[in-house]
Amino acid sequence: MNVAILGAGKVGRALFRALAQAEVRVRLVPLRRPGRARFDEDLLILAVRDPELARVARALAAAGRGTASAAVV
């Protein structure tokens, strides 16, 4: 399984370290311009603050930069 974590804050970094230690293929993507990143992973974790969640999700959907089969949490 390939995982991308969007958001390099405390939660995103902690998840990244834990998944990497468990030998999961994981990539940490800083939240600057979510619509510019390309995601080919099986799982996309949105590690963002609650007030930013809807905006980030809309930007990702509008940019069409993910795979249709990816799970987003």
C-alpha atoms as a PDB file:
ATOM      1  CA  MET A   1       0.000   0.000   0.000  1.00  0.00           C
ATOM      2  CA  ASN A   2       1.192   3.512  -0.844  1.00  0.00           C
ATOM      3  CA  VAL A   3       0.106   6.380   1.400  1.00  0.00           C
ATOM      4  CA  ALA A   4       0.310  10.154   0.991  1.00  0.00           C
ATOM      5  CA  ILE A   5      -0.200  12.465   3.942  1.00  0.00           C
ATOM      6  CA  LEU A   6      -1.268  15.976   3.045  1.00  0.00           C
ATOM      7  CA  GLY A   7      -0.244  18.351   5.810  1.00  0.00           C
ATOM      8  CA  ALA A   8       3.168  18.465   7.453  1.00  0.00           C
ATOM      9  CA  GLY A   9       2.076  19.686  10.861  1.00  0.00           C
ATOM     10  CA  LYS A  10       2.371  17.762  14.114  1.00  0.00           C
ATOM     11  CA  VAL A  11      -0.224  15.131  13.197  1.00  0.00           C
ATOM     12  CA  GLY A  12       1.013  14.682   9.645  1.00  0.00           C
ATOM     13  CA  ARG A  13       4.624  14.264  10.753  1.00  0.00           C
ATOM     14  CA  ALA A  14       3.672  11.823  13.524  1.00  0.00           C
ATOM     15  CA  LEU A  15       1.652   9.697  11.092  1.00  0.00           C
ATOM     16  CA  PHE A  16       4.502   9.818   8.604  1.00  0.00           C
ATOM     17  CA  ARG A  17       7.032   8.597  11.162  1.00  0.00           C
ATOM     18  CA  ALA A  18       4.754   5.818  12.421  1.00  0.00           C
ATOM     19  CA  LEU A  19       3.939   4.543   8.932  1.00  0.00           C
ATOM     20  CA  ALA A  20       7.557   4.754   7.787  1.00  0.00           C
ATOM     21  CA  GLN A  21       8.664   2.829  10.857  1.00  0.00           C
ATOM     22  CA  ALA A  22       6.067   0.164  10.000  1.00  0.00           C
ATOM     23  CA  GLU A  23       7.708  -0.006   6.554  1.00  0.00           C
ATOM     24  CA  VAL A  24       4.704   1.422   4.711  1.00  0.00           C
ATOM     25  CA  ARG A  25       5.531   3.383   1.573  1.00  0.00           C
ATOM     26  CA  VAL A  26       4.544   6.880   2.640  1.00  0.00           C
ATOM     27  CA  ARG A  27       5.038  10.416   1.341  1.00  0.00           C
ATOM     28  CA  LEU A  28       4.555  13.635   3.318  1.00  0.00           C
ATOM     29  CA  VAL A  29       3.204  16.575   1.312  1.00  0.00           C
ATOM     30  CA  PRO A  30       3.271  20.055   2.906  1.00  0.00           C
ATOM     31  CA  LEU A  31      -0.008  21.945   2.682  1.00  0.00           C
ATOM     32  CA  ARG A  32       0.868  24.942   0.568  1.00  0.00           C
ATOM     33  CA  ARG A  33      -1.063  24.465  -2.620  1.00  0.00           C
ATOM     34  CA  PRO A  34      -2.939  21.152  -2.453  1.00  0.00           C
ATOM     35  CA  GLY A  35      -4.262  21.476  -5.989  1.00  0.00           C
ATOM     36  CA  ARG A  36      -0.726  21.433  -7.450  1.00  0.00           C
ATOM     37  CA  ALA A  37       0.429  18.094  -6.008  1.00  0.00           C
ATOM     38  CA  ARG A  38      -0.149  14.851  -7.902  1.00  0.00           C
ATOM     39  CA  PHE A  39      -1.306  11.826  -5.931  1.00  0.00           C
ATOM     40  CA  ASP A  40      -0.922   8.276  -7.215  1.00  0.00           C
ATOM     41  CA  GLU A  41      -1.134   6.623  -3.796  1.00  0.00           C
ATOM     42  CA  ASP A  42      -3.789   4.149  -2.652  1.00  0.00           C
ATOM     43  CA  LEU A  43      -4.611   6.189   0.450  1.00  0.00           C
ATOM     44  CA  LEU A  44      -4.576   9.952   0.927  1.00  0.00           C
ATOM     45  CA  ILE A  45      -4.711  11.214   4.511  1.00  0.00           C
ATOM     46  CA  LEU A  46      -5.789  14.822   4.950  1.00  0.00           C
ATOM     47  CA  ALA A  47      -3.918  15.852   8.092  1.00  0.00           C
ATOM     48  CA  VAL A  48      -5.208  19.411   8.164  1.00  0.00           C
ATOM     49  CA  ARG A  49      -7.002  21.576  10.703  1.00  0.00           C
ATOM     50  CA  ASP A  50     -10.789  21.190  10.740  1.00  0.00           C
ATOM     51  CA  PRO A  51     -11.495  24.686   9.356  1.00  0.00           C
ATOM     52  CA  GLU A  52      -9.246  23.917   6.337  1.00  0.00           C
ATOM     53  CA  LEU A  53     -10.664  20.479   5.544  1.00  0.00           C
ATOM     54  CA  ALA A  54     -13.464  21.528   3.173  1.00  0.00           C
ATOM     55  CA  ARG A  55     -11.226  23.961   1.278  1.00  0.00           C
ATOM     56  CA  VAL A  56      -8.485  21.369   0.815  1.00  0.00           C
ATOM     57  CA  ALA A  57     -10.931  18.679  -0.285  1.00  0.00           C
ATOM     58  CA  ARG A  58     -12.522  21.046  -2.815  1.00  0.00           C
ATOM     59  CA  ALA A  59      -9.116  22.084  -4.182  1.00  0.00           C
ATOM     60  CA  LEU A  60      -8.089  18.449  -4.648  1.00  0.00           C
ATOM     61  CA  ALA A  61     -11.362  17.535  -6.334  1.00  0.00           C
ATOM     62  CA  ALA A  62     -11.260  20.564  -8.626  1.00  0.00           C
ATOM     63  CA  ALA A  63      -7.669  19.878  -9.648  1.00  0.00           C
ATOM     64  CA  GLY A  64      -8.398  16.222 -10.455  1.00  0.00           C
ATOM     65  CA  ARG A  65      -4.949  15.248  -9.265  1.00  0.00           C
ATOM     66  CA  GLY A  66      -5.765  11.936  -7.590  1.00  0.00           C
ATOM     67  CA  THR A  67      -6.703   8.480  -8.744  1.00  0.00           C
ATOM     68  CA  ALA A  68     -10.348   7.453  -8.758  1.00  0.00           C
ATOM     69  CA  SER A  69      -9.578   4.349  -6.726  1.00  0.00           C
ATOM     70  CA  ALA A  70      -7.769   6.159  -3.892  1.00  0.00           C
ATOM     71  CA  ALA A  71      -9.361   6.307  -0.470  1.00  0.00           C
ATOM     72  CA  VAL A  72      -9.312   9.744   1.156  1.00  0.00           C
ATOM     73  CA  VAL A  73      -9.511  10.113   4.922  1.00  0.00           C
END
